[in-house]
Amino acid sequence: MKPHNAKLQIIISCVFTFILTLLLVILYLCVGFNFGVFNSKTVSRELNESNYYDEVYQEIYGSVQTLVTEAGFPTSVMEEVITFERVYIAGQNYMKAVLSGSEFEIKTDKIRDELTDNIYQYLLEEDLQLTQDLDVGIEILVSAVAEDYTEGQQLQFLHDFVEYRDNFLSTIWVLLPILIVLIGFLCYFLIRMQIYIHRGVRYIVYAISSSSLLTVFAAGYLLITEQYAKITIVPDYYKDFIAAYLRWDITVFIYISGIAFTAAIALISLISFLKNGIVDN
């Protein structure tokens, strides 16, 4: 091959390698978003492991306690009405329904009935006279408690997650085949352009190594500096959940980079295999 043609071949190969590197990074992002960011199991796990429901229970209990005491009733009327088990089960059912795209209404019938019974039982024990105004006041209190309970269970993140996840999935089914085809063509051309197969494979190794290193360095930087934890969200338990969720999502990209780098190492062995003439070009 003439020196001029050889130099042009190297330049074209480098350009193709650079483009292949970018395409591989995009591929890693797609895979990472699918298995991390938009993985429903990730959301479910992080909600449980971040003690989210325990904090929700504490907030709901405190809010209801304030309503009850301000209405002039002892906190004993809340006994067995607002419990962690009830909050947790309702929260789990709500989460599963939203993530599956189903309609879900948080039931408050039992809470309303039990709280009402407890209040009237207290009035009976205290031998307090029932009046129409008192009945109306009790109804207002019970409705306020039910409203606080329902609002405390709401998690806007889940609805946003489902919306973005569905949009992502509808896009990735179009993008992913295009990416794979482009990556396949570039690998094919890199190999076909070379006199020896192992030289083409070497450029592919460069692309895989570069893309995996770019991804792992970016993810590692975010984890080390804890940029994901610097978001401003209230309340704190919501922020803790989001931080844990983002930390795992970033970690997924490190795993993907590790897999890609392992593939690069395997290809290096293939290069040595081809270069030694074990396989005929």
Foldseek 3Di string as FASTA:
>chain_A
DDPVVVVVLVVVLLVLLVVLLVLVLVVLVLVLCVVAVLDLVLLVVLCVVLCVLVVLLVVLLVVLCVLQVVLPHHCVLCVPLRDSVLSVVLLVVVLVCLLVVHDDDRDCVSSLVSSLVSVVVVCVVVVHDDDPVVVVSSVVSSVVSSVSSRVSSDDVVSNVSNVVSVVSVVVCVVVVVVSVVSSVVSLVCLQVSDPFNLRSLVSVLVSLLSSLVVLLVVLVVCLVVVPQLPDDDPDPSVSSSSSSSVNRSSVSSNVVSVVSNVVSVVSVVVSVCRVVPVDPD
